[in-house]
């Protein structure tokens, strides 16, 4: 592959900055504004000050409104989070209560099973030692 086949980009730089044209336009515009202005400089400044105060007041009012709205939304969000936290706490407490109840029930069943096991062991010992009623009855029948 040859280097001639590769596309290339040429960037040309304009050496004139256009600053002179800008300054000339600004001077002409300022001169025309002074010649054609319907009010004096003091009147224009007073109007600009009044308008700036109006804009400032409007902006401050809008900022206060935005703050109020934001605070209201934050309060709603806090209330929602608090409600969810309370629900989770209630669910956790209910889970703990259920676990305690299940454990108590399981312990009761375990004690009942142990008692039945002990009773079975005791009955088996009685039968094995010949003291139990089942052994005598069976022996008497077998011999008689």
Protein backbone atom coordinates (compact mmCIF):
# COMPACT_ATOMS: atom_id res chain seq x y z
CA UNK A 1 0.00 0.00 0.00
CA UNK A 2 1.35 3.40 -0.97
CA UNK A 3 1.26 6.54 1.14
CA UNK A 4 -0.51 8.35 -1.70
CA UNK A 5 -3.65 6.23 -1.15
CA UNK A 6 -4.16 7.49 2.42
CA UNK A 7 -6.65 10.39 2.70
CA UNK A 8 -5.37 13.51 4.40
CA UNK A 9 -6.74 16.74 5.84
CA UNK A 10 -5.31 20.19 5.24
CA UNK A 11 -5.86 22.90 7.87
CA UNK A 12 -5.29 26.48 6.77
CA UNK A 13 -4.79 29.22 9.30
CA UNK A 14 -6.04 32.72 8.57
CA UNK A 15 -3.47 35.19 9.78
CA UNK A 16 -5.87 38.15 10.11
CA UNK A 17 -7.54 38.25 13.54
CA UNK A 18 -10.45 40.54 12.62
CA UNK A 19 -9.81 42.60 15.74
CA UNK A 20 -9.55 45.82 13.82
CA UNK A 21 -12.96 45.27 12.24
CA UNK A 22 -14.47 44.53 15.62
CA UNK A 23 -13.09 47.70 17.21
CA UNK A 24 -14.24 49.81 14.26
CA UNK A 25 -17.76 48.33 14.48
CA UNK A 26 -17.92 48.92 18.23
CA UNK A 27 -16.89 52.57 17.86
CA UNK A 28 -19.39 53.22 15.09
CA UNK A 29 -22.16 51.51 17.09
CA UNK A 30 -21.40 53.51 20.24
CA UNK A 31 -21.38 56.78 18.31
CA UNK A 32 -24.69 56.05 16.63
CA UNK A 33 -26.23 55.03 19.98
CA UNK A 34 -25.23 58.36 21.50
CA UNK A 35 -26.57 60.35 18.55
CA UNK A 36 -29.87 58.49 18.30
CA UNK A 37 -30.64 57.92 22.02
CA UNK A 38 -34.01 59.50 22.96
CA UNK A 39 -33.02 60.08 26.60
CA UNK A 40 -30.12 61.63 28.43
CA UNK A 41 -27.47 59.49 30.09
CA UNK A 42 -28.86 60.16 33.54
CA UNK A 43 -32.38 59.18 32.49
CA UNK A 44 -31.09 56.01 30.86
CA UNK A 45 -29.09 55.12 33.97
CA UNK A 46 -32.12 55.66 36.20
CA UNK A 47 -34.26 53.47 33.95
CA UNK A 48 -31.57 50.80 33.92
CA UNK A 49 -31.27 50.95 37.75
CA UNK A 50 -35.04 50.61 38.17
CA UNK A 51 -35.20 47.76 35.71
CA UNK A 52 -32.27 46.04 37.44
CA UNK A 53 -34.08 46.35 40.80
CA UNK A 54 -37.24 44.85 39.27
CA UNK A 55 -35.27 41.98 37.79
CA UNK A 56 -33.47 41.44 41.09
CA UNK A 57 -36.78 41.40 43.01
CA UNK A 58 -38.32 38.98 40.53
CA UNK A 59 -35.26 36.73 40.69
CA UNK A 60 -35.29 36.75 44.51
CA UNK A 61 -38.99 35.91 44.53
CA UNK A 62 -38.45 33.03 42.12
CA UNK A 63 -35.58 31.73 44.25
CA UNK A 64 -37.80 31.85 47.36
CA UNK A 65 -40.57 30.01 45.50
CA UNK A 66 -38.09 27.40 44.33
CA UNK A 67 -36.81 27.01 47.90
CA UNK A 68 -40.35 26.57 49.21
CA UNK A 69 -41.10 23.96 46.58
CA UNK A 70 -37.85 22.16 47.29
CA UNK A 71 -38.52 22.20 51.04
CA UNK A 72 -42.03 20.86 50.47
CA UNK A 73 -40.68 18.05 48.30
CA UNK A 74 -37.98 17.26 50.86
CA UNK A 75 -40.60 17.13 53.61
CA UNK A 76 -42.69 14.75 51.50
CA UNK A 77 -39.64 12.60 50.82
CA UNK A 78 -38.70 12.57 54.52
CA UNK A 79 -42.24 11.57 55.47
CA UNK A 80 -42.19 8.79 52.88
CA UNK A 81 -38.84 7.53 54.10
CA UNK A 82 -39.99 7.69 57.71
CA UNK A 83 -43.12 5.70 56.84
CA UNK A 84 -41.03 3.07 55.06
CA UNK A 85 -38.60 2.89 57.98
CA UNK A 86 -41.48 2.37 60.39
CA UNK A 87 -42.91 -0.37 58.16
CA UNK A 88 -39.55 -2.10 58.04
CA UNK A 89 -39.20 -1.86 61.83
CA UNK A 90 -42.69 -3.32 62.25
CA UNK A 91 -41.85 -6.13 59.85
CA UNK A 92 -38.60 -6.87 61.69
CA UNK A 93 -40.43 -6.89 65.04
CA UNK A 94 -43.11 -9.18 63.62
CA UNK A 95 -40.38 -11.46 62.28
CA UNK A 96 -38.67 -11.56 65.67
CA UNK A 97 -41.97 -12.34 67.39
CA UNK A 98 -42.70 -15.11 64.90
CA UNK A 99 -39.19 -16.52 65.39
CA UNK A 100 -39.61 -16.49 69.18
CA UNK A 101 -42.97 -18.19 68.90
CA UNK A 102 -41.60 -20.79 66.50
CA UNK A 103 -38.64 -21.42 68.80
CA UNK A 104 -40.92 -21.79 71.83
CA UNK A 105 -43.16 -24.17 69.89
CA UNK A 106 -40.16 -26.16 68.70
CA UNK A 107 -38.71 -26.34 72.24
CA UNK A 108 -42.08 -27.58 73.53
CA UNK A 109 -42.24 -30.25 70.82
CA UNK A 110 -38.66 -31.24 71.58
CA UNK A 111 -39.41 -31.63 75.30
CA UNK A 112 -42.51 -33.70 74.44
CA UNK A 113 -40.42 -35.90 72.14
CA UNK A 114 -37.74 -36.31 74.81
CA UNK A 115 -40.36 -37.28 77.40
CA UNK A 116 -41.86 -39.83 75.02
CA UNK A 117 -38.39 -41.18 74.26
CA UNK A 118 -37.60 -41.49 77.98
CA UNK A 119 -40.92 -43.20 78.61
CA UNK A 120 -40.14 -45.65 75.81
CA UNK A 121 -36.67 -46.31 77.22
CA UNK A 122 -38.10 -46.87 80.70
CA UNK A 123 -40.77 -49.26 79.34
CA UNK A 124 -38.13 -51.15 77.37
CA UNK A 125 -35.97 -51.49 80.49
CA UNK A 126 -38.91 -52.82 82.46
CA UNK A 127 -39.63 -55.36 79.77
CA UNK A 128 -35.97 -56.32 79.53
CA UNK A 129 -35.58 -56.74 83.28
CA UNK A 130 -38.70 -58.88 83.51
CA UNK A 131 -40.60 -56.47 85.69
CA UNK A 132 -43.01 -55.33 83.05
CA UNK A 133 -46.46 -56.83 82.64
CA UNK A 134 -45.82 -57.71 79.02
CA UNK A 135 -43.07 -60.23 79.78
CA UNK A 136 -45.00 -62.23 82.39
CA UNK A 137 -48.08 -62.43 80.27
CA UNK A 138 -46.14 -63.60 77.26
CA UNK A 139 -44.11 -66.12 79.27
CA UNK A 140 -47.22 -67.48 81.00
CA UNK A 141 -48.99 -67.97 77.72
CA UNK A 142 -46.00 -69.59 76.09
CA UNK A 143 -45.53 -72.12 78.91
CA UNK A 144 -49.15 -72.77 79.68
